[in-house]
């Protein structure tokens, strides 16, 4: 199923939805006091947004964490408008451009060990 992400800055700060519903900020993975979603630079807010989008997109936290830093740098930090949209296909395309290794470190180690 295609996922549609939308972000905008408003009077209540930065808001992000997925398919019209608020995006889970994954406060379980981050210090809830460390800030809100943000974009357009590299920092804590963009890092939080990158992780939340990727965790939702993949449905796999380990995979989301493995791509978070590159996705923040190459996609989230470059979102300069006050309003933006991303969809599943666009995220997959961006990840194809930044992916250096087609698997996580544990997957690579298991493969090297013959697993």
C-alpha atoms as a PDB file:
ATOM      1  CA  UNK A   1       0.000   0.000   0.000  1.00  0.00           C
ATOM      2  CA  UNK A   2       1.313   3.413  -0.939  1.00  0.00           C
ATOM      3  CA  UNK A   3       1.942   5.717   1.996  1.00  0.00           C
ATOM      4  CA  UNK A   4       1.617   9.506   1.612  1.00  0.00           C
ATOM      5  CA  UNK A   5       3.530  11.749   4.020  1.00  0.00           C
ATOM      6  CA  UNK A   6       2.775  15.450   4.314  1.00  0.00           C
ATOM      7  CA  UNK A   7       4.514  18.041   6.449  1.00  0.00           C
ATOM      8  CA  UNK A   8       3.765  21.706   7.066  1.00  0.00           C
ATOM      9  CA  UNK A   9       4.632  24.523   9.430  1.00  0.00           C
ATOM     10  CA  UNK A  10       1.697  26.168  11.109  1.00  0.00           C
ATOM     11  CA  UNK A  11       0.829  28.168  14.211  1.00  0.00           C
ATOM     12  CA  UNK A  12       1.241  25.022  16.340  1.00  0.00           C
ATOM     13  CA  UNK A  13       4.688  24.184  14.910  1.00  0.00           C
ATOM     14  CA  UNK A  14       5.622  21.468  12.448  1.00  0.00           C
ATOM     15  CA  UNK A  15       2.967  18.870  11.707  1.00  0.00           C
ATOM     16  CA  UNK A  16       3.436  15.616   9.775  1.00  0.00           C
ATOM     17  CA  UNK A  17       0.793  13.127   8.671  1.00  0.00           C
ATOM     18  CA  UNK A  18       0.813   9.769   6.937  1.00  0.00           C
ATOM     19  CA  UNK A  19      -2.280   9.027   4.852  1.00  0.00           C
ATOM     20  CA  UNK A  20      -4.034  11.897   6.634  1.00  0.00           C
ATOM     21  CA  UNK A  21      -3.303  10.673  10.178  1.00  0.00           C
ATOM     22  CA  UNK A  22      -0.631  12.098  12.533  1.00  0.00           C
ATOM     23  CA  UNK A  23       2.738  10.380  12.054  1.00  0.00           C
ATOM     24  CA  UNK A  24       3.843   8.483  15.164  1.00  0.00           C
ATOM     25  CA  UNK A  25       6.803  10.502  16.546  1.00  0.00           C
ATOM     26  CA  UNK A  26       8.278   7.304  18.029  1.00  0.00           C
ATOM     27  CA  UNK A  27       8.754   8.886  21.449  1.00  0.00           C
ATOM     28  CA  UNK A  28       9.486   5.348  22.645  1.00  0.00           C
ATOM     29  CA  UNK A  29      12.808   5.562  20.787  1.00  0.00           C
ATOM     30  CA  UNK A  30      13.777   9.146  21.558  1.00  0.00           C
ATOM     31  CA  UNK A  31      13.762  11.388  24.567  1.00  0.00           C
ATOM     32  CA  UNK A  32      10.294  12.996  24.285  1.00  0.00           C
ATOM     33  CA  UNK A  33      11.737  16.296  25.518  1.00  0.00           C
ATOM     34  CA  UNK A  34      14.312  16.399  22.697  1.00  0.00           C
ATOM     35  CA  UNK A  35      12.082  18.357  20.360  1.00  0.00           C
ATOM     36  CA  UNK A  36       9.490  18.065  17.666  1.00  0.00           C
ATOM     37  CA  UNK A  37       9.616  17.151  14.003  1.00  0.00           C
ATOM     38  CA  UNK A  38      11.594  19.578  11.875  1.00  0.00           C
ATOM     39  CA  UNK A  39      13.224  19.654   8.437  1.00  0.00           C
ATOM     40  CA  UNK A  40      15.493  21.782   6.282  1.00  0.00           C
ATOM     41  CA  UNK A  41      18.720  21.219   8.243  1.00  0.00           C
ATOM     42  CA  UNK A  42      20.556  18.446  10.088  1.00  0.00           C
ATOM     43  CA  UNK A  43      19.698  18.250  13.766  1.00  0.00           C
ATOM     44  CA  UNK A  44      17.560  16.527  16.390  1.00  0.00           C
ATOM     45  CA  UNK A  45      14.171  17.479  14.908  1.00  0.00           C
ATOM     46  CA  UNK A  46      15.094  16.272  11.401  1.00  0.00           C
ATOM     47  CA  UNK A  47      16.623  13.126  12.907  1.00  0.00           C
ATOM     48  CA  UNK A  48      13.361  12.431  14.754  1.00  0.00           C
ATOM     49  CA  UNK A  49      11.401  12.959  11.523  1.00  0.00           C
ATOM     50  CA  UNK A  50      13.688  10.708   9.459  1.00  0.00           C
ATOM     51  CA  UNK A  51      13.358   7.881  11.973  1.00  0.00           C
ATOM     52  CA  UNK A  52       9.570   8.248  12.267  1.00  0.00           C
ATOM     53  CA  UNK A  53       9.071   8.225   8.490  1.00  0.00           C
ATOM     54  CA  UNK A  54      11.399   5.275   7.920  1.00  0.00           C
ATOM     55  CA  UNK A  55       9.964   3.242  10.825  1.00  0.00           C
ATOM     56  CA  UNK A  56       6.505   3.745   9.350  1.00  0.00           C
ATOM     57  CA  UNK A  57       7.669   3.156   5.765  1.00  0.00           C
ATOM     58  CA  UNK A  58       9.586  -0.065   6.468  1.00  0.00           C
ATOM     59  CA  UNK A  59       7.603  -1.370   9.428  1.00  0.00           C
ATOM     60  CA  UNK A  60      11.047  -2.506  10.617  1.00  0.00           C
ATOM     61  CA  UNK A  61      12.841  -0.496  13.273  1.00  0.00           C
ATOM     62  CA  UNK A  62      16.300  -2.011  12.676  1.00  0.00           C
ATOM     63  CA  UNK A  63      16.103  -1.180   8.984  1.00  0.00           C
ATOM     64  CA  UNK A  64      14.847   2.333   9.778  1.00  0.00           C
ATOM     65  CA  UNK A  65      17.768   2.919  12.122  1.00  0.00           C
ATOM     66  CA  UNK A  66      20.267   1.688   9.523  1.00  0.00           C
ATOM     67  CA  UNK A  67      19.109   4.289   6.974  1.00  0.00           C
ATOM     68  CA  UNK A  68      18.189   7.132   9.342  1.00  0.00           C
ATOM     69  CA  UNK A  69      21.376   9.235   9.173  1.00  0.00           C
ATOM     70  CA  UNK A  70      21.666   9.117   5.391  1.00  0.00           C
ATOM     71  CA  UNK A  71      17.952   9.726   4.875  1.00  0.00           C
ATOM     72  CA  UNK A  72      18.079  12.713   7.244  1.00  0.00           C
ATOM     73  CA  UNK A  73      21.088  14.169   5.422  1.00  0.00           C
ATOM     74  CA  UNK A  74      20.007  13.444   1.846  1.00  0.00           C
ATOM     75  CA  UNK A  75      16.231  13.946   2.061  1.00  0.00           C
ATOM     76  CA  UNK A  76      14.944  15.565   5.262  1.00  0.00           C
ATOM     77  CA  UNK A  77      17.662  18.239   5.485  1.00  0.00           C
ATOM     78  CA  UNK A  78      16.941  19.232   1.872  1.00  0.00           C
ATOM     79  CA  UNK A  79      13.233  19.866   2.426  1.00  0.00           C
ATOM     80  CA  UNK A  80      13.308  23.657   2.400  1.00  0.00           C
ATOM     81  CA  UNK A  81       9.652  24.554   1.889  1.00  0.00           C
ATOM     82  CA  UNK A  82       7.169  25.155   4.688  1.00  0.00           C
ATOM     83  CA  UNK A  83       5.002  22.413   3.153  1.00  0.00           C
ATOM     84  CA  UNK A  84       6.108  19.174   1.472  1.00  0.00           C
ATOM     85  CA  UNK A  85       4.887  15.729   0.478  1.00  0.00           C
ATOM     86  CA  UNK A  86       6.638  12.384   0.081  1.00  0.00           C
ATOM     87  CA  UNK A  87       5.195   9.057  -0.937  1.00  0.00           C
ATOM     88  CA  UNK A  88       6.385   5.462  -0.728  1.00  0.00           C
ATOM     89  CA  UNK A  89       7.769   5.444  -4.264  1.00  0.00           C
ATOM     90  CA  UNK A  90       9.713   8.661  -3.684  1.00  0.00           C
ATOM     91  CA  UNK A  91      11.169   7.312  -0.442  1.00  0.00           C
ATOM     92  CA  UNK A  92      12.156   4.040  -2.131  1.00  0.00           C
ATOM     93  CA  UNK A  93      13.814   5.994  -4.951  1.00  0.00           C
ATOM     94  CA  UNK A  94      15.730   8.186  -2.482  1.00  0.00           C
ATOM     95  CA  UNK A  95      16.868   5.125  -0.550  1.00  0.00           C
ATOM     96  CA  UNK A  96      18.086   3.459  -3.745  1.00  0.00           C
ATOM     97  CA  UNK A  97      20.250   6.519  -4.386  1.00  0.00           C
ATOM     98  CA  UNK A  98      21.810   6.561  -0.925  1.00  0.00           C
ATOM     99  CA  UNK A  99      22.042   2.848  -0.151  1.00  0.00           C
ATOM    100  CA  UNK A 100      25.654   1.709  -0.129  1.00  0.00           C
ATOM    101  CA  UNK A 101      24.992  -1.734   1.321  1.00  0.00           C
ATOM    102  CA  UNK A 102      21.823  -3.631   0.417  1.00  0.00           C
ATOM    103  CA  UNK A 103      21.577  -5.186   3.889  1.00  0.00           C
ATOM    104  CA  UNK A 104      22.055  -4.346   7.530  1.00  0.00           C
ATOM    105  CA  UNK A 105      25.248  -5.218   9.377  1.00  0.00           C
ATOM    106  CA  UNK A 106      23.669  -8.199  11.195  1.00  0.00           C
ATOM    107  CA  UNK A 107      22.351  -9.520   7.850  1.00  0.00           C
ATOM    108  CA  UNK A 108      25.807  -9.110   6.274  1.00  0.00           C
ATOM    109  CA  UNK A 109      27.505 -10.908   9.188  1.00  0.00           C
ATOM    110  CA  UNK A 110      24.991 -13.754   9.020  1.00  0.00           C
ATOM    111  CA  UNK A 111      25.593 -14.081   5.288  1.00  0.00           C
ATOM    112  CA  UNK A 112      29.363 -14.122   5.773  1.00  0.00           C
ATOM    113  CA  UNK A 113      28.960 -16.827   8.422  1.00  0.00           C
ATOM    114  CA  UNK A 114      26.927 -18.906   6.006  1.00  0.00           C
ATOM    115  CA  UNK A 115      23.589 -18.255   7.670  1.00  0.00           C
END
